[in-house]
Amino acid sequence: MREALESDLRAVLNGALNMLGTVERMLPIAADILLHERTERLEEIRALDREVDAQEAQIEAECLRIIALHQPVARDLRMVALILKSLSDIERMGDYTVHVAKDGSELAQAPALKRYVNLARMLERLGEMSQNLRTALADRDVTRAEATIGMDDEVDDLYEQIQRELVTYMLEDPRNISKALMLMRVGRSLERVGDHMENIAERVRYWVTGQREA
């Protein structure tokens, strides 16, 4: 019975890691659309988002089956709870990444307001965060999870810098307002992706140790 439970737990954890990996694959596509005007890739990212939604439904059903069949306790139950709570975070990450791609596609229809240096850095950092988070989950590594939380601070700083720059552009020329507002929305979407990763990383300590704080 224990062997069957461990097999099922490994399966749902791998499923969650794969779901996170699918979102991770979406980030460079969103970057390609936003930074390089590859608008033809929009359907590609939408297809991956549908894959994320399907993965969410499948993993959620499997977690509920594990609870009903095995009645896990202690760390096993904490792991199932972490996965169930994290599914909605990962799904929202996918949604926000699609928002970035859609806004990037619309922005590509006119000359760029500015070079998107900080947005590019946000996208790059989010990819690094996702890789770090997947490793933390796979290895039950609390230290790496906390490092992921620290990485989100840079994402937040970049978002705030973008907001300040865009306000300046709007004040200098009202004709920039529409485009600047859309770029603000792109920055906000990326900042929210980081927040959802942080949510997941914050749960790792409780899963591994049973303690909510260091």
N, C-alpha and C. Protein backbone atom coordinates (compact mmCIF):
# COMPACT_ATOMS: atom_id res chain seq x y z
N MET A 1 0.84 -1.21 0.00
CA MET A 1 0.00 0.00 0.00
C MET A 1 0.87 1.27 0.00
N ARG A 2 1.95 1.23 0.82
CA ARG A 2 2.85 2.37 0.86
C ARG A 2 3.52 2.58 -0.49
N GLU A 3 3.89 1.50 -1.12
CA GLU A 3 4.54 1.59 -2.43
C GLU A 3 3.61 2.22 -3.46
N ALA A 4 2.34 1.84 -3.40
CA ALA A 4 1.37 2.41 -4.34
C ALA A 4 1.19 3.90 -4.09
N LEU A 5 1.14 4.29 -2.81
CA LEU A 5 1.00 5.71 -2.48
C LEU A 5 2.21 6.50 -2.99
N GLU A 6 3.40 5.99 -2.75
CA GLU A 6 4.60 6.70 -3.19
C GLU A 6 4.64 6.84 -4.71
N SER A 7 4.19 5.79 -5.41
CA SER A 7 4.14 5.85 -6.86
C SER A 7 3.16 6.92 -7.33
N ASP A 8 2.00 6.99 -6.68
CA ASP A 8 0.99 8.00 -7.05
C ASP A 8 1.48 9.41 -6.73
N LEU A 9 2.17 9.57 -5.60
CA LEU A 9 2.70 10.88 -5.23
C LEU A 9 3.76 11.35 -6.22
N ARG A 10 4.62 10.43 -6.63
CA ARG A 10 5.63 10.78 -7.63
C ARG A 10 4.96 11.21 -8.93
N ALA A 11 3.89 10.52 -9.28
CA ALA A 11 3.20 10.82 -10.54
C ALA A 11 2.60 12.22 -10.52
N VAL A 12 1.95 12.61 -9.40
CA VAL A 12 1.33 13.94 -9.38
C VAL A 12 2.40 15.04 -9.26
N LEU A 13 3.49 14.75 -8.56
CA LEU A 13 4.56 15.75 -8.49
C LEU A 13 5.17 15.94 -9.88
N ASN A 14 5.43 14.84 -10.58
CA ASN A 14 5.96 14.95 -11.94
C ASN A 14 4.99 15.68 -12.85
N GLY A 15 3.70 15.44 -12.64
CA GLY A 15 2.70 16.14 -13.44
C GLY A 15 2.74 17.64 -13.20
N ALA A 16 2.87 18.04 -11.93
CA ALA A 16 2.96 19.46 -11.62
C ALA A 16 4.24 20.08 -12.19
N LEU A 17 5.34 19.33 -12.12
CA LEU A 17 6.60 19.81 -12.69
C LEU A 17 6.48 19.97 -14.21
N ASN A 18 5.80 19.04 -14.85
CA ASN A 18 5.60 19.13 -16.30
C ASN A 18 4.71 20.31 -16.66
N MET A 19 3.69 20.55 -15.83
CA MET A 19 2.79 21.68 -16.06
C MET A 19 3.57 22.99 -15.93
N LEU A 20 4.40 23.09 -14.90
CA LEU A 20 5.25 24.26 -14.73
C LEU A 20 6.21 24.39 -15.91
N GLY A 21 6.72 23.25 -16.37
CA GLY A 21 7.61 23.27 -17.53
C GLY A 21 6.91 23.75 -18.79
N THR A 22 5.63 23.45 -18.92
CA THR A 22 4.88 23.93 -20.09
C THR A 22 4.79 25.45 -20.08
N VAL A 23 4.50 26.02 -18.91
CA VAL A 23 4.49 27.49 -18.81
C VAL A 23 5.87 28.05 -19.10
N GLU A 24 6.89 27.36 -18.62
CA GLU A 24 8.26 27.81 -18.87
C GLU A 24 8.55 27.87 -20.37
N ARG A 25 8.00 26.93 -21.13
CA ARG A 25 8.16 26.93 -22.58
C ARG A 25 7.41 28.09 -23.23
N MET A 26 6.38 28.58 -22.56
CA MET A 26 5.60 29.68 -23.10
C MET A 26 6.34 31.02 -23.00
N LEU A 27 7.18 31.16 -21.99
CA LEU A 27 7.83 32.45 -21.75
C LEU A 27 8.69 32.92 -22.93
N PRO A 28 9.57 32.07 -23.50
CA PRO A 28 10.36 32.56 -24.64
C PRO A 28 9.52 32.84 -25.88
N ILE A 29 8.37 32.18 -26.00
CA ILE A 29 7.49 32.48 -27.13
C ILE A 29 6.89 33.88 -26.95
N ALA A 30 6.44 34.16 -25.71
CA ALA A 30 5.92 35.50 -25.42
C ALA A 30 7.01 36.54 -25.68
N ALA A 31 8.25 36.22 -25.29
CA ALA A 31 9.36 37.14 -25.53
C ALA A 31 9.58 37.35 -27.02
N ASP A 32 9.46 36.29 -27.80
CA ASP A 32 9.66 36.39 -29.25
C ASP A 32 8.62 37.30 -29.88
N ILE A 33 7.39 37.19 -29.39
CA ILE A 33 6.31 38.03 -29.93
C ILE A 33 6.50 39.48 -29.50
N LEU A 34 6.81 39.69 -28.22
CA LEU A 34 6.93 41.05 -27.69
C LEU A 34 8.18 41.76 -28.19
N LEU A 35 9.31 41.07 -28.14
CA LEU A 35 10.60 41.72 -28.42
C LEU A 35 10.99 41.68 -29.89
N HIS A 36 10.50 40.66 -30.61
CA HIS A 36 10.93 40.48 -32.00
C HIS A 36 9.77 40.49 -33.00
N GLU A 37 8.57 40.83 -32.50
CA GLU A 37 7.38 41.00 -33.35
C GLU A 37 7.04 39.73 -34.14
N ARG A 38 7.30 38.57 -33.53
CA ARG A 38 6.97 37.29 -34.17
C ARG A 38 5.51 36.95 -33.88
N THR A 39 4.62 37.75 -34.42
CA THR A 39 3.21 37.61 -34.10
C THR A 39 2.61 36.30 -34.58
N GLU A 40 3.27 35.66 -35.54
CA GLU A 40 2.74 34.38 -36.04
C GLU A 40 2.81 33.28 -34.99
N ARG A 41 3.50 33.52 -33.89
CA ARG A 41 3.64 32.51 -32.84
C ARG A 41 2.51 32.59 -31.80
N LEU A 42 1.56 33.48 -32.02
CA LEU A 42 0.49 33.67 -31.04
C LEU A 42 -0.33 32.40 -30.86
N GLU A 43 -0.66 31.72 -31.94
CA GLU A 43 -1.45 30.49 -31.82
C GLU A 43 -0.65 29.40 -31.11
N GLU A 44 0.64 29.42 -31.31
CA GLU A 44 1.51 28.43 -30.64
C GLU A 44 1.40 28.56 -29.12
N ILE A 45 1.44 29.79 -28.63
CA ILE A 45 1.38 29.97 -27.19
C ILE A 45 -0.03 29.69 -26.66
N ARG A 46 -1.03 29.98 -27.46
CA ARG A 46 -2.40 29.64 -27.05
C ARG A 46 -2.58 28.13 -26.93
N ALA A 47 -1.98 27.39 -27.84
CA ALA A 47 -2.07 25.92 -27.79
C ALA A 47 -1.41 25.39 -26.52
N LEU A 48 -0.27 25.95 -26.16
CA LEU A 48 0.40 25.53 -24.93
C LEU A 48 -0.44 25.88 -23.71
N ASP A 49 -1.13 27.01 -23.75
CA ASP A 49 -1.98 27.39 -22.62
C ASP A 49 -3.14 26.40 -22.47
N ARG A 50 -3.68 25.94 -23.57
CA ARG A 50 -4.74 24.92 -23.50
C ARG A 50 -4.18 23.63 -22.90
N GLU A 51 -2.93 23.34 -23.22
CA GLU A 51 -2.27 22.16 -22.64
C GLU A 51 -2.14 22.32 -21.12
N VAL A 52 -1.80 23.51 -20.67
CA VAL A 52 -1.70 23.78 -19.23
C VAL A 52 -3.05 23.56 -18.56
N ASP A 53 -4.13 24.05 -19.17
CA ASP A 53 -5.47 23.88 -18.60
C ASP A 53 -5.83 22.39 -18.49
N ALA A 54 -5.49 21.63 -19.50
CA ALA A 54 -5.79 20.19 -19.48
C ALA A 54 -4.96 19.49 -18.40
N GLN A 55 -3.70 19.89 -18.26
CA GLN A 55 -2.85 19.31 -17.22
C GLN A 55 -3.41 19.61 -15.84
N GLU A 56 -3.90 20.83 -15.65
CA GLU A 56 -4.46 21.20 -14.35
C GLU A 56 -5.61 20.29 -13.97
N ALA A 57 -6.54 20.08 -14.90
CA ALA A 57 -7.71 19.24 -14.61
C ALA A 57 -7.30 17.81 -14.30
N GLN A 58 -6.35 17.29 -15.05
CA GLN A 58 -5.92 15.91 -14.85
C GLN A 58 -5.22 15.73 -13.50
N ILE A 59 -4.32 16.65 -13.15
CA ILE A 59 -3.57 16.53 -11.90
C ILE A 59 -4.49 16.72 -10.70
N GLU A 60 -5.41 17.67 -10.81
CA GLU A 60 -6.36 17.89 -9.71
C GLU A 60 -7.18 16.62 -9.45
N ALA A 61 -7.66 15.99 -10.50
CA ALA A 61 -8.44 14.75 -10.34
C ALA A 61 -7.59 13.66 -9.69
N GLU A 62 -6.32 13.59 -10.08
CA GLU A 62 -5.45 12.56 -9.52
C GLU A 62 -5.16 12.84 -8.04
N CYS A 63 -4.98 14.09 -7.67
CA CYS A 63 -4.77 14.42 -6.26
C CYS A 63 -5.98 14.04 -5.41
N LEU A 64 -7.16 14.32 -5.92
CA LEU A 64 -8.37 13.97 -5.18
C LEU A 64 -8.52 12.45 -5.06
N ARG A 65 -8.11 11.73 -6.09
CA ARG A 65 -8.14 10.27 -6.04
C ARG A 65 -7.18 9.75 -4.96
N ILE A 66 -6.00 10.35 -4.87
CA ILE A 66 -5.02 9.94 -3.87
C ILE A 66 -5.58 10.15 -2.46
N ILE A 67 -6.22 11.29 -2.24
CA ILE A 67 -6.80 11.57 -0.92
C ILE A 67 -7.87 10.55 -0.58
N ALA A 68 -8.74 10.26 -1.53
CA ALA A 68 -9.83 9.32 -1.28
C ALA A 68 -9.33 7.88 -1.10
N LEU A 69 -8.35 7.49 -1.88
CA LEU A 69 -7.88 6.10 -1.87
C LEU A 69 -6.88 5.83 -0.75
N HIS A 70 -5.94 6.75 -0.54
CA HIS A 70 -4.83 6.47 0.39
C HIS A 70 -4.95 7.20 1.73
N GLN A 71 -5.78 8.24 1.80
CA GLN A 71 -5.90 9.04 3.01
C GLN A 71 -4.51 9.40 3.57
N PRO A 72 -3.71 10.11 2.79
CA PRO A 72 -2.34 10.42 3.21
C PRO A 72 -2.32 11.32 4.45
N VAL A 73 -1.22 11.25 5.20
CA VAL A 73 -1.04 12.07 6.40
C VAL A 73 0.36 12.69 6.36
N ALA A 74 0.59 13.61 7.31
CA ALA A 74 1.90 14.23 7.51
C ALA A 74 2.46 14.79 6.20
N ARG A 75 3.72 14.48 5.88
CA ARG A 75 4.36 15.09 4.71
C ARG A 75 3.65 14.72 3.42
N ASP A 76 3.14 13.49 3.34
CA ASP A 76 2.43 13.08 2.12
C ASP A 76 1.22 13.96 1.87
N LEU A 77 0.46 14.24 2.95
CA LEU A 77 -0.72 15.09 2.81
C LEU A 77 -0.32 16.52 2.48
N ARG A 78 0.77 16.98 3.10
CA ARG A 78 1.25 18.34 2.80
C ARG A 78 1.67 18.46 1.34
N MET A 79 2.23 17.40 0.80
CA MET A 79 2.64 17.44 -0.61
C MET A 79 1.42 17.53 -1.53
N VAL A 80 0.40 16.73 -1.25
CA VAL A 80 -0.81 16.78 -2.07
C VAL A 80 -1.46 18.17 -1.96
N ALA A 81 -1.46 18.73 -0.74
CA ALA A 81 -2.03 20.06 -0.55
C ALA A 81 -1.24 21.10 -1.33
N LEU A 82 0.09 21.01 -1.28
CA LEU A 82 0.93 21.94 -2.03
C LEU A 82 0.61 21.89 -3.52
N ILE A 83 0.50 20.69 -4.05
CA ILE A 83 0.22 20.56 -5.48
C ILE A 83 -1.15 21.12 -5.82
N LEU A 84 -2.16 20.77 -5.02
CA LEU A 84 -3.51 21.27 -5.30
C LEU A 84 -3.55 22.79 -5.28
N LYS A 85 -2.90 23.40 -4.28
CA LYS A 85 -2.89 24.86 -4.19
C LYS A 85 -2.09 25.49 -5.33
N SER A 86 -1.04 24.80 -5.75
CA SER A 86 -0.14 25.37 -6.75
C SER A 86 -0.69 25.27 -8.17
N LEU A 87 -1.63 24.36 -8.39
CA LEU A 87 -2.18 24.21 -9.74
C LEU A 87 -2.79 25.50 -10.25
N SER A 88 -3.54 26.19 -9.39
CA SER A 88 -4.17 27.43 -9.85
C SER A 88 -3.12 28.52 -10.09
N ASP A 89 -2.03 28.50 -9.28
CA ASP A 89 -0.95 29.46 -9.53
C ASP A 89 -0.33 29.23 -10.90
N ILE A 90 -0.04 27.97 -11.21
CA ILE A 90 0.60 27.66 -12.50
C ILE A 90 -0.34 28.00 -13.66
N GLU A 91 -1.62 27.69 -13.47
CA GLU A 91 -2.60 28.00 -14.53
C GLU A 91 -2.68 29.50 -14.78
N ARG A 92 -2.64 30.29 -13.71
CA ARG A 92 -2.68 31.74 -13.87
C ARG A 92 -1.40 32.26 -14.52
N MET A 93 -0.27 31.64 -14.20
CA MET A 93 0.98 32.01 -14.87
C MET A 93 0.84 31.86 -16.38
N GLY A 94 0.23 30.77 -16.80
CA GLY A 94 0.00 30.56 -18.22
C GLY A 94 -0.89 31.63 -18.82
N ASP A 95 -1.95 31.99 -18.09
CA ASP A 95 -2.86 33.03 -18.58
C ASP A 95 -2.15 34.36 -18.75
N TYR A 96 -1.37 34.73 -17.75
CA TYR A 96 -0.66 36.02 -17.83
C TYR A 96 0.36 36.03 -18.96
N THR A 97 0.98 34.88 -19.20
CA THR A 97 1.96 34.81 -20.29
C THR A 97 1.26 34.99 -21.64
N VAL A 98 0.07 34.44 -21.78
CA VAL A 98 -0.71 34.65 -22.99
C VAL A 98 -1.09 36.13 -23.13
N HIS A 99 -1.45 36.77 -22.01
CA HIS A 99 -1.76 38.20 -22.06
C HIS A 99 -0.59 39.00 -22.61
N VAL A 100 0.63 38.64 -22.16
CA VAL A 100 1.83 39.32 -22.66
C VAL A 100 1.96 39.12 -24.16
N ALA A 101 1.73 37.90 -24.61
CA ALA A 101 1.85 37.61 -26.04
C ALA A 101 0.81 38.38 -26.85
N LYS A 102 -0.42 38.44 -26.36
CA LYS A 102 -1.48 39.17 -27.07
C LYS A 102 -1.16 40.66 -27.14
N ASP A 103 -0.73 41.23 -26.01
CA ASP A 103 -0.38 42.64 -26.01
C ASP A 103 0.84 42.89 -26.90
N GLY A 104 1.79 41.96 -26.89
CA GLY A 104 2.95 42.09 -27.76
C GLY A 104 2.57 42.08 -29.23
N SER A 105 1.60 41.24 -29.57
CA SER A 105 1.13 41.17 -30.94
C SER A 105 0.47 42.48 -31.36
N GLU A 106 -0.28 43.08 -30.43
CA GLU A 106 -0.93 44.35 -30.75
C GLU A 106 0.10 45.48 -30.84
N LEU A 107 1.08 45.47 -29.94
CA LEU A 107 2.12 46.50 -29.96
C LEU A 107 2.94 46.44 -31.24
N ALA A 108 3.05 45.26 -31.81
CA ALA A 108 3.86 45.08 -33.03
C ALA A 108 3.24 45.77 -34.24
N GLN A 109 2.00 46.20 -34.12
CA GLN A 109 1.33 46.83 -35.26
C GLN A 109 1.77 48.27 -35.49
N ALA A 110 2.56 48.83 -34.56
CA ALA A 110 3.02 50.21 -34.69
C ALA A 110 4.47 50.29 -34.21
N PRO A 111 5.19 51.36 -34.56
CA PRO A 111 6.58 51.50 -34.11
C PRO A 111 6.68 51.45 -32.58
N ALA A 112 7.75 50.85 -32.09
CA ALA A 112 7.94 50.70 -30.65
C ALA A 112 8.14 52.05 -29.98
N LEU A 113 7.58 52.19 -28.78
CA LEU A 113 7.75 53.42 -28.02
C LEU A 113 9.20 53.56 -27.55
N LYS A 114 9.81 52.45 -27.21
CA LYS A 114 11.17 52.41 -26.71
C LYS A 114 11.68 50.98 -26.81
N ARG A 115 12.97 50.80 -26.58
CA ARG A 115 13.49 49.43 -26.50
C ARG A 115 13.03 48.81 -25.20
N TYR A 116 12.58 47.56 -25.29
CA TYR A 116 11.99 46.91 -24.12
C TYR A 116 13.05 46.18 -23.31
N VAL A 117 14.06 46.91 -22.87
CA VAL A 117 15.20 46.29 -22.18
C VAL A 117 14.77 45.66 -20.86
N ASN A 118 14.02 46.40 -20.06
CA ASN A 118 13.64 45.88 -18.75
C ASN A 118 12.58 44.77 -18.85
N LEU A 119 11.71 44.86 -19.84
CA LEU A 119 10.75 43.78 -20.06
C LEU A 119 11.48 42.51 -20.48
N ALA A 120 12.51 42.67 -21.31
CA ALA A 120 13.31 41.52 -21.72
C ALA A 120 13.99 40.89 -20.52
N ARG A 121 14.49 41.74 -19.62
CA ARG A 121 15.15 41.22 -18.42
C ARG A 121 14.15 40.53 -17.50
N MET A 122 12.95 41.07 -17.41
CA MET A 122 11.92 40.40 -16.60
C MET A 122 11.62 39.01 -17.15
N LEU A 123 11.46 38.90 -18.45
CA LEU A 123 11.18 37.61 -19.06
C LEU A 123 12.33 36.63 -18.83
N GLU A 124 13.54 37.12 -18.95
CA GLU A 124 14.71 36.27 -18.72
C GLU A 124 14.75 35.79 -17.28
N ARG A 125 14.50 36.71 -16.35
CA ARG A 125 14.55 36.37 -14.93
C ARG A 125 13.44 35.39 -14.57
N LEU A 126 12.28 35.54 -15.14
CA LEU A 126 11.17 34.63 -14.86
C LEU A 126 11.50 33.22 -15.35
N GLY A 127 12.17 33.10 -16.48
CA GLY A 127 12.60 31.79 -16.94
C GLY A 127 13.57 31.15 -15.96
N GLU A 128 14.49 31.96 -15.42
CA GLU A 128 15.44 31.45 -14.44
C GLU A 128 14.72 31.05 -13.15
N MET A 129 13.76 31.85 -12.74
CA MET A 129 12.97 31.52 -11.54
C MET A 129 12.24 30.21 -11.70
N SER A 130 11.65 30.01 -12.87
CA SER A 130 10.89 28.78 -13.11
C SER A 130 11.80 27.56 -13.05
N GLN A 131 12.96 27.65 -13.65
CA GLN A 131 13.91 26.53 -13.58
C GLN A 131 14.32 26.24 -12.14
N ASN A 132 14.58 27.31 -11.40
CA ASN A 132 14.97 27.17 -10.00
C ASN A 132 13.85 26.53 -9.18
N LEU A 133 12.63 26.97 -9.44
CA LEU A 133 11.47 26.46 -8.71
C LEU A 133 11.24 24.99 -9.01
N ARG A 134 11.36 24.60 -10.26
CA ARG A 134 11.18 23.19 -10.61
C ARG A 134 12.21 22.32 -9.90
N THR A 135 13.44 22.80 -9.83
CA THR A 135 14.48 22.04 -9.14
C THR A 135 14.18 21.95 -7.64
N ALA A 136 13.73 23.05 -7.06
CA ALA A 136 13.39 23.06 -5.63
C ALA A 136 12.29 22.04 -5.32
N LEU A 137 11.29 21.97 -6.18
CA LEU A 137 10.20 21.02 -5.97
C LEU A 137 10.68 19.59 -6.18
N ALA A 138 11.44 19.36 -7.22
CA ALA A 138 11.90 18.00 -7.53
C ALA A 138 12.83 17.46 -6.44
N ASP A 139 13.65 18.35 -5.87
CA ASP A 139 14.65 17.93 -4.88
C ASP A 139 14.22 18.18 -3.44
N ARG A 140 12.99 18.69 -3.25
CA ARG A 140 12.53 19.06 -1.91
C ARG A 140 13.54 19.98 -1.23
N ASP A 141 13.99 20.97 -1.96
CA ASP A 141 15.10 21.83 -1.55
C ASP A 141 14.56 23.17 -1.04
N VAL A 142 14.49 23.32 0.28
CA VAL A 142 13.95 24.54 0.88
C VAL A 142 14.84 25.75 0.56
N THR A 143 16.15 25.56 0.60
CA THR A 143 17.08 26.66 0.33
C THR A 143 16.89 27.20 -1.08
N ARG A 144 16.74 26.30 -2.03
CA ARG A 144 16.54 26.74 -3.42
C ARG A 144 15.18 27.43 -3.57
N ALA A 145 14.18 26.94 -2.88
CA ALA A 145 12.87 27.59 -2.93
C ALA A 145 12.95 29.01 -2.41
N GLU A 146 13.70 29.20 -1.32
CA GLU A 146 13.84 30.53 -0.75
C GLU A 146 14.65 31.44 -1.69
N ALA A 147 15.60 30.85 -2.41
CA ALA A 147 16.34 31.63 -3.40
C ALA A 147 15.41 32.10 -4.51
N THR A 148 14.44 31.27 -4.87
CA THR A 148 13.45 31.66 -5.88
C THR A 148 12.66 32.87 -5.41
N ILE A 149 12.30 32.87 -4.14
CA ILE A 149 11.57 34.01 -3.57
C ILE A 149 12.42 35.27 -3.68
N GLY A 150 13.71 35.15 -3.39
CA GLY A 150 14.60 36.29 -3.50
C GLY A 150 14.72 36.81 -4.92
N MET A 151 14.67 35.90 -5.90
CA MET A 151 14.76 36.30 -7.30
C MET A 151 13.57 37.17 -7.71
N ASP A 152 12.43 36.96 -7.06
CA ASP A 152 11.25 37.74 -7.41
C ASP A 152 11.43 39.21 -7.05
N ASP A 153 12.31 39.49 -6.09
CA ASP A 153 12.55 40.90 -5.73
C ASP A 153 13.07 41.68 -6.94
N GLU A 154 13.94 41.06 -7.74
CA GLU A 154 14.47 41.75 -8.92
C GLU A 154 13.36 41.99 -9.94
N VAL A 155 12.47 40.99 -10.09
CA VAL A 155 11.34 41.16 -11.01
C VAL A 155 10.48 42.35 -10.58
N ASP A 156 10.23 42.44 -9.27
CA ASP A 156 9.43 43.56 -8.75
C ASP A 156 10.14 44.89 -8.99
N ASP A 157 11.44 44.92 -8.76
CA ASP A 157 12.20 46.16 -8.97
C ASP A 157 12.15 46.59 -10.44
N LEU A 158 12.30 45.63 -11.34
CA LEU A 158 12.24 45.94 -12.77
C LEU A 158 10.86 46.49 -13.14
N TYR A 159 9.82 45.90 -12.58
CA TYR A 159 8.45 46.35 -12.86
C TYR A 159 8.27 47.81 -12.40
N GLU A 160 8.76 48.11 -11.21
CA GLU A 160 8.62 49.48 -10.71
C GLU A 160 9.40 50.47 -11.58
N GLN A 161 10.57 50.05 -12.05
CA GLN A 161 11.37 50.92 -12.92
C GLN A 161 10.65 51.17 -14.24
N ILE A 162 10.04 50.12 -14.78
CA ILE A 162 9.27 50.25 -16.03
C ILE A 162 8.12 51.24 -15.85
N GLN A 163 7.41 51.12 -14.72
CA GLN A 163 6.29 52.03 -14.48
C GLN A 163 6.75 53.49 -14.45
N ARG A 164 7.85 53.74 -13.75
CA ARG A 164 8.36 55.12 -13.66
C ARG A 164 8.74 55.66 -15.03
N GLU A 165 9.43 54.83 -15.82
CA GLU A 165 9.85 55.27 -17.15
C GLU A 165 8.65 55.60 -18.04
N LEU A 166 7.64 54.75 -17.97
CA LEU A 166 6.48 54.95 -18.84
C LEU A 166 5.66 56.16 -18.44
N VAL A 167 5.60 56.44 -17.16
CA VAL A 167 4.91 57.67 -16.71
C VAL A 167 5.62 58.88 -17.31
N THR A 168 6.94 58.85 -17.33
CA THR A 168 7.71 59.94 -17.92
C THR A 168 7.37 60.11 -19.39
N TYR A 169 7.29 59.00 -20.12
CA TYR A 169 6.95 59.06 -21.55
C TYR A 169 5.56 59.68 -21.75
N MET A 170 4.61 59.32 -20.89
CA MET A 170 3.25 59.86 -21.03
C MET A 170 3.21 61.35 -20.73
N LEU A 171 3.98 61.79 -19.74
CA LEU A 171 4.00 63.20 -19.40
C LEU A 171 4.66 64.04 -20.49
N GLU A 172 5.66 63.46 -21.14
CA GLU A 172 6.38 64.18 -22.20
C GLU A 172 5.53 64.37 -23.45
N ASP A 173 4.68 63.39 -23.76
CA ASP A 173 3.89 63.46 -24.99
C ASP A 173 2.61 62.64 -24.81
N PRO A 174 1.46 63.30 -24.73
CA PRO A 174 0.19 62.58 -24.55
C PRO A 174 -0.08 61.53 -25.63
N ARG A 175 0.55 61.65 -26.78
CA ARG A 175 0.35 60.66 -27.83
C ARG A 175 0.93 59.30 -27.44
N ASN A 176 1.77 59.29 -26.43
CA ASN A 176 2.38 58.03 -25.96
C ASN A 176 1.50 57.28 -24.97
N ILE A 177 0.40 57.90 -24.54
CA ILE A 177 -0.35 57.34 -23.42
C ILE A 177 -0.88 55.94 -23.72
N SER A 178 -1.52 55.77 -24.85
CA SER A 178 -2.14 54.48 -25.16
C SER A 178 -1.10 53.35 -25.17
N LYS A 179 0.00 53.59 -25.86
CA LYS A 179 1.04 52.55 -25.95
C LYS A 179 1.70 52.32 -24.60
N ALA A 180 1.93 53.41 -23.86
CA ALA A 180 2.56 53.27 -22.55
C ALA A 180 1.68 52.48 -21.59
N LEU A 181 0.38 52.71 -21.64
CA LEU A 181 -0.53 51.96 -20.78
C LEU A 181 -0.50 50.47 -21.10
N MET A 182 -0.41 50.15 -22.39
CA MET A 182 -0.33 48.74 -22.77
C MET A 182 0.98 48.12 -22.27
N LEU A 183 2.06 48.86 -22.36
CA LEU A 183 3.33 48.36 -21.86
C LEU A 183 3.30 48.20 -20.34
N MET A 184 2.61 49.09 -19.66
CA MET A 184 2.43 48.93 -18.22
C MET A 184 1.69 47.63 -17.91
N ARG A 185 0.70 47.34 -18.73
CA ARG A 185 -0.07 46.10 -18.55
C ARG A 185 0.80 44.88 -18.79
N VAL A 186 1.68 44.95 -19.78
CA VAL A 186 2.62 43.85 -20.02
C VAL A 186 3.51 43.65 -18.79
N GLY A 187 4.05 44.76 -18.26
CA GLY A 187 4.88 44.66 -17.08
C GLY A 187 4.14 44.07 -15.90
N ARG A 188 2.89 44.49 -15.74
CA ARG A 188 2.06 43.97 -14.64
C ARG A 188 1.82 42.47 -14.81
N SER A 189 1.57 42.03 -16.02
CA SER A 189 1.37 40.59 -16.26
C SER A 189 2.61 39.80 -15.87
N LEU A 190 3.78 40.29 -16.26
CA LEU A 190 5.02 39.59 -15.93
C LEU A 190 5.27 39.62 -14.43
N GLU A 191 4.96 40.73 -13.79
CA GLU A 191 5.13 40.82 -12.34
C GLU A 191 4.23 39.80 -11.64
N ARG A 192 3.04 39.59 -12.16
CA ARG A 192 2.11 38.62 -11.57
C ARG A 192 2.60 37.19 -11.77
N VAL A 193 3.23 36.90 -12.90
CA VAL A 193 3.83 35.58 -13.10
C VAL A 193 4.83 35.30 -11.98
N GLY A 194 5.67 36.29 -11.69
CA GLY A 194 6.64 36.13 -10.61
C GLY A 194 5.97 35.93 -9.27
N ASP A 195 4.89 36.65 -9.01
CA ASP A 195 4.18 36.50 -7.74
C ASP A 195 3.63 35.08 -7.57
N HIS A 196 3.11 34.52 -8.65
CA HIS A 196 2.58 33.15 -8.55
C HIS A 196 3.69 32.13 -8.31
N MET A 197 4.85 32.35 -8.92
CA MET A 197 5.99 31.47 -8.62
C MET A 197 6.38 31.60 -7.16
N GLU A 198 6.37 32.82 -6.66
CA GLU A 198 6.71 33.04 -5.26
C GLU A 198 5.73 32.32 -4.35
N ASN A 199 4.44 32.35 -4.69
CA ASN A 199 3.44 31.64 -3.90
C ASN A 199 3.79 30.17 -3.75
N ILE A 200 4.17 29.56 -4.87
CA ILE A 200 4.50 28.14 -4.85
C ILE A 200 5.76 27.90 -4.01
N ALA A 201 6.78 28.73 -4.23
CA ALA A 201 8.04 28.57 -3.50
C ALA A 201 7.83 28.69 -1.99
N GLU A 202 6.93 29.57 -1.58
CA GLU A 202 6.69 29.78 -0.15
C GLU A 202 6.08 28.54 0.52
N ARG A 203 5.45 27.67 -0.25
CA ARG A 203 4.83 26.47 0.32
C ARG A 203 5.82 25.32 0.52
N VAL A 204 6.99 25.43 -0.09
CA VAL A 204 7.93 24.30 -0.06
C VAL A 204 8.41 24.02 1.36
N ARG A 205 8.72 25.05 2.13
CA ARG A 205 9.20 24.83 3.50
C ARG A 205 8.18 24.04 4.31
N TYR A 206 6.93 24.43 4.25
CA TYR A 206 5.90 23.73 5.04
C TYR A 206 5.77 22.28 4.59
N TRP A 207 5.84 22.05 3.28
CA TRP A 207 5.77 20.68 2.76
C TRP A 207 6.91 19.84 3.33
N VAL A 208 8.12 20.34 3.26
CA VAL A 208 9.29 19.54 3.62
C VAL A 208 9.45 19.41 5.13
N THR A 209 9.23 20.51 5.88
CA THR A 209 9.55 20.51 7.31
C THR A 209 8.33 20.50 8.21
N GLY A 210 7.18 20.87 7.68
CA GLY A 210 6.01 21.01 8.55
C GLY A 210 5.96 22.36 9.26
N GLN A 211 6.97 23.21 8.99
CA GLN A 211 7.04 24.53 9.61
C GLN A 211 6.71 25.59 8.55
N ARG A 212 5.92 26.55 8.93
CA ARG A 212 5.50 27.56 7.98
C ARG A 212 6.53 28.66 7.80
N GLU A 213 7.38 28.89 8.80
CA GLU A 213 8.40 29.92 8.68
C GLU A 213 9.73 29.39 9.21
N ALA A 214 10.81 30.04 8.75
CA ALA A 214 12.14 29.66 9.23
C ALA A 214 12.28 29.98 10.71
